PDB file of N, CA and C in Angstrom:
ATOM      1  N   MET A   1     168.940  -2.416   0.812  1.00  0.00           N
ATOM      2  CA  MET A   1     167.873  -1.183   0.402  1.00  0.00           C
ATOM      3  C   MET A   1     168.361  -0.265  -0.732  1.00  0.00           C
ATOM      4  N   SER A   2     167.974   0.090  -1.865  1.00  0.00           N
ATOM      5  CA  SER A   2     168.430   1.152  -2.374  1.00  0.00           C
ATOM      6  C   SER A   2     168.404   2.598  -2.100  1.00  0.00           C
ATOM      7  N   ARG A   3     169.239   3.094  -2.326  1.00  0.00           N
ATOM      8  CA  ARG A   3     169.552   4.626  -2.346  1.00  0.00           C
ATOM      9  C   ARG A   3     168.063   5.154  -2.593  1.00  0.00           C
ATOM     10  N   ARG A   4     167.547   4.829  -3.713  1.00  0.00           N
ATOM     11  CA  ARG A   4     165.708   5.272  -3.739  1.00  0.00           C
ATOM     12  C   ARG A   4     164.927   5.055  -2.939  1.00  0.00           C
ATOM     13  N   ALA A   5     164.999   4.129  -2.388  1.00  0.00           N
ATOM     14  CA  ALA A   5     164.011   3.413  -1.269  1.00  0.00           C
ATOM     15  C   ALA A   5     164.322   3.915  -0.238  1.00  0.00           C
ATOM     16  N   ALA A   6     165.358   4.234   0.164  1.00  0.00           N
ATOM     17  CA  ALA A   6     165.856   4.871   1.617  1.00  0.00           C
ATOM     18  C   ALA A   6     165.242   6.193   1.440  1.00  0.00           C
ATOM     19  N   THR A   7     165.787   7.026   0.303  1.00  0.00           N
ATOM     20  CA  THR A   7     165.035   8.522   0.201  1.00  0.00           C
ATOM     21  C   THR A   7     163.610   8.582   0.205  1.00  0.00           C
ATOM     22  N   ALA A   8     162.897   7.577  -0.350  1.00  0.00           N
ATOM     23  CA  ALA A   8     161.336   7.372  -0.298  1.00  0.00           C
ATOM     24  C   ALA A   8     160.765   7.755   1.181  1.00  0.00           C
ATOM     25  N   ARG A   9     161.737   6.406   2.115  1.00  0.00           N
ATOM     26  CA  ARG A   9     161.038   6.295   3.068  1.00  0.00           C
ATOM     27  C   ARG A   9     161.256   7.596   3.953  1.00  0.00           C
ATOM     28  N   ALA A  10     162.902   8.415   3.901  1.00  0.00           N
ATOM     29  CA  ALA A  10     163.368   9.218   4.627  1.00  0.00           C
ATOM     30  C   ALA A  10     161.821  10.725   4.455  1.00  0.00           C
ATOM     31  N   ALA A  11     161.511  10.817   3.221  1.00  0.00           N
ATOM     32  CA  ALA A  11     160.540  11.433   2.647  1.00  0.00           C
ATOM     33  C   ALA A  11     159.011  11.151   3.359  1.00  0.00           C
ATOM     34  N   ALA A  12     158.858   9.939   3.234  1.00  0.00           N
ATOM     35  CA  ALA A  12     157.557   9.844   4.033  1.00  0.00           C
ATOM     36  C   ALA A  12     157.312   9.664   5.429  1.00  0.00           C
ATOM     37  N   ALA A  13     158.997   9.521   6.217  1.00  0.00           N
ATOM     38  CA  ALA A  13     158.786   9.908   7.602  1.00  0.00           C
ATOM     39  C   ALA A  13     158.717  11.505   8.023  1.00  0.00           C
ATOM     40  N   ILE A  14     159.525  12.372   7.001  1.00  0.00           N
ATOM     41  CA  ILE A  14     158.989  13.709   7.423  1.00  0.00           C
ATOM     42  C   ILE A  14     157.726  14.221   7.176  1.00  0.00           C
ATOM     43  N   CYS A  15     157.080  13.688   5.813  1.00  0.00           N
ATOM     44  CA  CYS A  15     155.817  14.266   5.484  1.00  0.00           C
ATOM     45  C   CYS A  15     154.532  13.605   6.627  1.00  0.00           C
ATOM     46  N   ALA A  16     155.050  12.639   7.360  1.00  0.00           N
ATOM     47  CA  ALA A  16     154.077  11.872   8.294  1.00  0.00           C
ATOM     48  C   ALA A  16     154.370  13.052   9.253  1.00  0.00           C
ATOM     49  N   ALA A  17     155.399  13.095   9.686  1.00  0.00           N
ATOM     50  CA  ALA A  17     155.515  14.018  11.374  1.00  0.00           C
ATOM     51  C   ALA A  17     155.590  15.679  10.672  1.00  0.00           C
ATOM     52  N   CYS A  18     155.318  15.965   9.379  1.00  0.00           N
ATOM     53  CA  CYS A  18     154.700  17.518   9.386  1.00  0.00           C
ATOM     54  C   CYS A  18     152.879  17.618   9.352  1.00  0.00           C
ATOM     55  N   ALA A  19     152.551  16.069   9.079  1.00  0.00           N
ATOM     56  CA  ALA A  19     150.771  15.966   9.262  1.00  0.00           C
ATOM     57  C   ALA A  19     150.696  15.525  10.784  1.00  0.00           C
ATOM     58  N   ALA A  20     151.035  15.390  11.569  1.00  0.00           N
ATOM     59  CA  ALA A  20     150.934  14.899  12.682  1.00  0.00           C
ATOM     60  C   ALA A  20     150.572  16.346  13.613  1.00  0.00           C
ATOM     61  N   PRO A  21     148.978  16.024  14.345  1.00  0.00           N
ATOM     62  CA  PRO A  21     148.323  17.181  14.889  1.00  0.00           C
ATOM     63  C   PRO A  21     149.446  17.964  15.575  1.00  0.00           C
ATOM     64  N   GLN A  22     148.985  18.932  15.799  1.00  0.00           N
ATOM     65  CA  GLN A  22     150.106  19.897  17.154  1.00  0.00           C
ATOM     66  C   GLN A  22     150.046  19.258  18.413  1.00  0.00           C
ATOM     67  N   GLY A  23     148.380  18.936  18.920  1.00  0.00           N
ATOM     68  CA  GLY A  23     148.742  18.317  19.724  1.00  0.00           C
ATOM     69  C   GLY A  23     147.817  18.739  21.202  1.00  0.00           C
ATOM     70  N   TRP A  24     148.790  19.860  21.951  1.00  0.00           N
ATOM     71  CA  TRP A  24     148.291  20.075  23.046  1.00  0.00           C
ATOM     72  C   TRP A  24     148.191  21.298  23.525  1.00  0.00           C
ATOM     73  N   VAL A  25     147.520  21.889  24.091  1.00  0.00           N
ATOM     74  CA  VAL A  25     147.318  23.235  24.559  1.00  0.00           C
ATOM     75  C   VAL A  25     147.144  23.461  26.181  1.00  0.00           C
ATOM     76  N   TYR A  26     148.032  24.631  26.547  1.00  0.00           N
ATOM     77  CA  TYR A  26     148.280  24.495  27.893  1.00  0.00           C
ATOM     78  C   TYR A  26     147.860  25.902  28.355  1.00  0.00           C
ATOM     79  N   GLU A  27     146.665  26.064  29.535  1.00  0.00           N
ATOM     80  CA  GLU A  27     146.406  27.165  29.419  1.00  0.00           C
ATOM     81  C   GLU A  27     146.194  27.719  31.131  1.00  0.00           C
ATOM     82  N   LYS A  28     146.649  28.486  31.326  1.00  0.00           N
ATOM     83  CA  LYS A  28     146.834  28.986  33.024  1.00  0.00           C
ATOM     84  C   LYS A  28     146.363  30.599  32.990  1.00  0.00           C
ATOM     85  N   LYS A  29     145.036  30.969  33.654  1.00  0.00           N
ATOM     86  CA  LYS A  29     144.804  31.811  33.640  1.00  0.00           C
ATOM     87  C   LYS A  29     145.500  32.942  34.699  1.00  0.00           C
ATOM     88  N   GLY A  30     145.922  34.163  33.691  1.00  0.00           N
ATOM     89  CA  GLY A  30     146.870  35.314  34.302  1.00  0.00           C
ATOM     90  C   GLY A  30     148.226  35.185  34.055  1.00  0.00           C
ATOM     91  N   ALA A  31     148.138  33.962  33.439  1.00  0.00           N
ATOM     92  CA  ALA A  31     150.169  33.459  33.087  1.00  0.00           C
ATOM     93  C   ALA A  31     150.745  34.430  31.773  1.00  0.00           C
ATOM     94  N   ALA A  32     151.800  35.181  31.792  1.00  0.00           N
ATOM     95  CA  ALA A  32     152.088  35.997  30.882  1.00  0.00           C
ATOM     96  C   ALA A  32     152.988  34.944  30.252  1.00  0.00           C
ATOM     97  N   PRO A  33     152.746  35.275  28.968  1.00  0.00           N
ATOM     98  CA  PRO A  33     153.577  34.514  28.165  1.00  0.00           C
ATOM     99  C   PRO A  33     154.842  34.277  27.996  1.00  0.00           C
ATOM    100  N   THR A  34     155.686  35.114  28.688  1.00  0.00           N
ATOM    101  CA  THR A  34     156.932  34.435  29.555  1.00  0.00           C
ATOM    102  C   THR A  34     157.008  33.717  30.557  1.00  0.00           C
ATOM    103  N   ARG A  35     155.954  33.654  31.376  1.00  0.00           N
ATOM    104  CA  ARG A  35     155.984  32.272  32.372  1.00  0.00           C
ATOM    105  C   ARG A  35     155.725  31.424  31.829  1.00  0.00           C
ATOM    106  N   LEU A  36     154.832  31.002  30.519  1.00  0.00           N
ATOM    107  CA  LEU A  36     154.689  29.864  30.046  1.00  0.00           C
ATOM    108  C   LEU A  36     155.948  29.293  29.366  1.00  0.00           C
ATOM    109  N   ASP A  37     156.739  30.457  28.425  1.00  0.00           N
ATOM    110  CA  ASP A  37     157.888  29.928  28.207  1.00  0.00           C
ATOM    111  C   ASP A  37     158.796  29.486  29.072  1.00  0.00           C
ATOM    112  N   HIS A  38     158.852  30.078  29.999  1.00  0.00           N
ATOM    113  CA  HIS A  38     159.592  29.270  30.817  1.00  0.00           C
ATOM    114  C   HIS A  38     159.409  28.391  31.998  1.00  0.00           C
ATOM    115  N   ASP A  39     158.017  28.027  31.790  1.00  0.00           N
ATOM    116  CA  ASP A  39     157.468  26.777  32.446  1.00  0.00           C
ATOM    117  C   ASP A  39     157.704  25.784  31.493  1.00  0.00           C
ATOM    118  N   MET A  40     157.114  25.875  30.542  1.00  0.00           N
ATOM    119  CA  MET A  40     157.568  25.043  29.203  1.00  0.00           C
ATOM    120  C   MET A  40     159.052  24.488  29.247  1.00  0.00           C
ATOM    121  N   ALA A  41     159.574  25.297  29.353  1.00  0.00           N
ATOM    122  CA  ALA A  41     160.968  25.247  29.069  1.00  0.00           C
ATOM    123  C   ALA A  41     161.394  23.841  29.899  1.00  0.00           C
ATOM    124  N   ALA A  42     160.801  24.378  31.362  1.00  0.00           N
ATOM    125  CA  ALA A  42     161.390  23.571  32.432  1.00  0.00           C
ATOM    126  C   ALA A  42     160.671  22.268  32.220  1.00  0.00           C
ATOM    127  N   CYS A  43     159.649  22.006  31.544  1.00  0.00           N
ATOM    128  CA  CYS A  43     159.409  20.536  31.576  1.00  0.00           C
ATOM    129  C   CYS A  43     159.668  20.237  30.465  1.00  0.00           C
ATOM    130  N   ARG A  44     160.017  20.809  29.123  1.00  0.00           N
ATOM    131  CA  ARG A  44     160.600  20.080  28.193  1.00  0.00           C
ATOM    132  C   ARG A  44     161.947  19.522  28.710  1.00  0.00           C
ATOM    133  N   GLN A  45     162.812  20.248  29.563  1.00  0.00           N
ATOM    134  CA  GLN A  45     163.974  19.649  30.278  1.00  0.00           C
ATOM    135  C   GLN A  45     163.592  18.274  31.281  1.00  0.00           C
ATOM    136  N   GLU A  46     162.714  18.188  31.781  1.00  0.00           N
ATOM    137  CA  GLU A  46     162.175  17.164  32.528  1.00  0.00           C
ATOM    138  C   GLU A  46     161.826  16.033  31.966  1.00  0.00           C
ATOM    139  N   ALA A  47     161.302  16.238  30.995  1.00  0.00           N
ATOM    140  CA  ALA A  47     160.415  15.503  30.039  1.00  0.00           C
ATOM    141  C   ALA A  47     161.335  14.648  28.735  1.00  0.00           C
ATOM    142  N   LEU A  48     162.754  14.985  28.614  1.00  0.00           N
ATOM    143  CA  LEU A  48     163.843  14.721  27.895  1.00  0.00           C
ATOM    144  C   LEU A  48     164.024  13.322  27.866  1.00  0.00           C
ATOM    145  N   ASP A  49     164.048  12.398  27.015  1.00  0.00           N
ATOM    146  CA  ASP A  49     163.801  11.270  26.539  1.00  0.00           C
ATOM    147  C   ASP A  49     165.415  10.985  26.207  1.00  0.00           C
ATOM    148  N   ALA A  50     166.410  10.684  26.970  1.00  0.00           N
ATOM    149  CA  ALA A  50     167.829  10.658  26.248  1.00  0.00           C
ATOM    150  C   ALA A  50     167.470   8.994  25.388  1.00  0.00           C
ATOM    151  N   LYS A  51     167.073   8.371  25.638  1.00  0.00           N
ATOM    152  CA  LYS A  51     167.132   6.910  24.737  1.00  0.00           C
ATOM    153  C   LYS A  51     166.280   7.096  23.982  1.00  0.00           C
ATOM    154  N   ALA A  52     165.594   8.038  23.308  1.00  0.00           N
ATOM    155  CA  ALA A  52     165.023   8.151  22.076  1.00  0.00           C
ATOM    156  C   ALA A  52     165.849   8.621  21.187  1.00  0.00           C
ATOM    157  N   PHE A  53     165.371   7.984  19.651  1.00  0.00           N
ATOM    158  CA  PHE A  53     166.075   8.644  18.663  1.00  0.00           C
ATOM    159  C   PHE A  53     165.446   9.066  17.457  1.00  0.00           C
ATOM    160  N   PRO A  54     164.677  10.228  17.571  1.00  0.00           N
ATOM    161  CA  PRO A  54     163.837  10.263  16.447  1.00  0.00           C
ATOM    162  C   PRO A  54     164.185  11.404  15.518  1.00  0.00           C
ATOM    163  N   ILE A  55     163.753  11.492  14.492  1.00  0.00           N
ATOM    164  CA  ILE A  55     164.286  12.201  13.345  1.00  0.00           C
ATOM    165  C   ILE A  55     164.172  13.785  13.885  1.00  0.00           C
ATOM    166  N   PHE A  56     162.860  14.182  14.391  1.00  0.00           N
ATOM    167  CA  PHE A  56     163.020  15.432  14.947  1.00  0.00           C
ATOM    168  C   PHE A  56     163.578  15.556  16.683  1.00  0.00           C
ATOM    169  N   SER A  57     163.837  16.690  17.039  1.00  0.00           N
ATOM    170  CA  SER A  57     164.200  16.885  18.686  1.00  0.00           C
ATOM    171  C   SER A  57     162.789  16.862  19.558  1.00  0.00           C
ATOM    172  N   SER A  58     161.863  16.999  18.853  1.00  0.00           N
ATOM    173  CA  SER A  58     160.494  17.150  19.657  1.00  0.00           C
ATOM    174  C   SER A  58     159.598  15.922  20.068  1.00  0.00           C
ATOM    175  N   GLY A  59     160.762  14.590  19.217  1.00  0.00           N
ATOM    176  CA  GLY A  59     160.323  13.457  19.254  1.00  0.00           C
ATOM    177  C   GLY A  59     160.908  12.716  20.520  1.00  0.00           C
ATOM    178  N   ARG A  60     161.601  13.537  20.991  1.00  0.00           N
ATOM    179  CA  ARG A  60     162.531  12.774  22.359  1.00  0.00           C
ATOM    180  C   ARG A  60     162.131  13.578  23.851  1.00  0.00           C
ATOM    181  N   ILE A  61     160.744  14.215  23.676  1.00  0.00           N
ATOM    182  CA  ILE A  61     159.894  14.620  24.950  1.00  0.00           C
ATOM    183  C   ILE A  61     159.173  13.602  24.957  1.00  0.00           C
ATOM    184  N   ASP A  62     159.026  13.268  26.172  1.00  0.00           N
ATOM    185  CA  ASP A  62     158.020  11.906  26.800  1.00  0.00           C
ATOM    186  C   ASP A  62     156.507  12.983  27.175  1.00  0.00           C
ATOM    187  N   ARG A  63     155.958  12.909  26.583  1.00  0.00           N
ATOM    188  CA  ARG A  63     154.778  13.441  26.386  1.00  0.00           C
ATOM    189  C   ARG A  63     153.982  13.601  27.757  1.00  0.00           C
ATOM    190  N   GLU A  64     153.756  12.412  28.080  1.00  0.00           N
ATOM    191  CA  GLU A  64     152.758  11.878  29.393  1.00  0.00           C
ATOM    192  C   GLU A  64     153.693  12.896  30.571  1.00  0.00           C
ATOM    193  N   VAL A  65     154.689  12.896  30.623  1.00  0.00           N
ATOM    194  CA  VAL A  65     155.656  13.049  31.409  1.00  0.00           C
ATOM    195  C   VAL A  65     155.902  15.062  31.603  1.00  0.00           C
ATOM    196  N   PHE A  66     156.071  15.520  30.276  1.00  0.00           N
ATOM    197  CA  PHE A  66     155.385  16.797  29.973  1.00  0.00           C
ATOM    198  C   PHE A  66     154.281  17.621  30.282  1.00  0.00           C
ATOM    199  N   ASN A  67     153.162  16.798  29.868  1.00  0.00           N
ATOM    200  CA  ASN A  67     151.958  17.018  30.475  1.00  0.00           C
ATOM    201  C   ASN A  67     151.676  17.268  32.176  1.00  0.00           C
ATOM    202  N   ARG A  68     152.232  15.911  32.745  1.00  0.00           N
ATOM    203  CA  ARG A  68     152.389  16.005  34.140  1.00  0.00           C
ATOM    204  C   ARG A  68     152.800  17.258  34.726  1.00  0.00           C
ATOM    205  N   CYS A  69     153.912  17.775  34.354  1.00  0.00           N
ATOM    206  CA  CYS A  69     154.723  18.848  34.735  1.00  0.00           C
ATOM    207  C   CYS A  69     153.965  20.080  34.601  1.00  0.00           C
ATOM    208  N   GLY A  70     153.317  20.311  33.586  1.00  0.00           N
ATOM    209  CA  GLY A  70     152.654  21.471  33.146  1.00  0.00           C
ATOM    210  C   GLY A  70     151.662  21.633  34.261  1.00  0.00           C
ATOM    211  N   GLU A  71     150.673  20.095  34.427  1.00  0.00           N
ATOM    212  CA  GLU A  71     149.611  20.302  35.355  1.00  0.00           C
ATOM    213  C   GLU A  71     150.548  20.529  36.512  1.00  0.00           C
ATOM    214  N   ARG A  72     151.315  20.436  37.270  1.00  0.00           N
ATOM    215  CA  ARG A  72     152.020  20.595  38.178  1.00  0.00           C
ATOM    216  C   ARG A  72     152.199  22.381  38.747  1.00  0.00           C
ATOM    217  N   LYS A  73     152.578  22.403  37.565  1.00  0.00           N
ATOM    218  CA  LYS A  73     152.474  24.205  37.539  1.00  0.00           C
ATOM    219  C   LYS A  73     151.480  24.675  37.562  1.00  0.00           C
ATOM    220  N   GLY A  74     150.041  24.623  37.247  1.00  0.00           N
ATOM    221  CA  GLY A  74     148.885  25.191  37.590  1.00  0.00           C
ATOM    222  C   GLY A  74     148.246  24.878  36.139  1.00  0.00           C
ATOM    223  N   TYR A  75     149.109  24.457  35.061  1.00  0.00           N
ATOM    224  CA  TYR A  75     148.251  24.915  33.600  1.00  0.00           C
ATOM    225  C   TYR A  75     147.128  23.593  33.491  1.00  0.00           C
ATOM    226  N   ALA A  76     146.125  24.031  32.324  1.00  0.00           N
ATOM    227  CA  ALA A  76     144.865  23.384  32.243  1.00  0.00           C
ATOM    228  C   ALA A  76     145.902  22.667  30.852  1.00  0.00           C
ATOM    229  N   VAL A  77     145.789  21.465  30.794  1.00  0.00           N
ATOM    230  CA  VAL A  77     146.378  20.897  29.879  1.00  0.00           C
ATOM    231  C   VAL A  77     145.219  19.887  29.447  1.00  0.00           C
ATOM    232  N   LYS A  78     145.251  20.428  27.832  1.00  0.00           N
ATOM    233  CA  LYS A  78     144.207  19.788  26.927  1.00  0.00           C
ATOM    234  C   LYS A  78     144.099  19.143  25.654  1.00  0.00           C
ATOM    235  N   ARG A  79     143.870  18.396  25.036  1.00  0.00           N
ATOM    236  CA  ARG A  79     144.301  18.359  23.852  1.00  0.00           C
ATOM    237  C   ARG A  79     143.697  19.285  22.613  1.00  0.00           C
ATOM    238  N   ALA A  80     144.232  19.518  21.505  1.00  0.00           N
ATOM    239  CA  ALA A  80     143.817  20.980  20.571  1.00  0.00           C
ATOM    240  C   ALA A  80     142.992  20.231  19.705  1.00  0.00           C
ATOM    241  N   GLU A  81     142.235  20.963  19.311  1.00  0.00           N
ATOM    242  CA  GLU A  81     141.457  20.683  18.534  1.00  0.00           C
ATOM    243  C   GLU A  81     141.805  20.747  16.967  1.00  0.00           C
TER     244      GLU A  81
END
């Protein structure tokens, strides 16, 4: 593969990642922003997929595991519109 083709593929992958929808909303009545941050950090740690090798670190998160963690912590988990 030529250098030019490799650069084009990398740029396309980055653009695709930027265009992807943000995805999810986590709501819990009465939860302070600091509590949300703490809980989401714990869920990120739990959902980390060490076998994944994405361009961005957010791609290493198993979203299904992350969402179940949020639900266990009392958050309403839904897709962002």
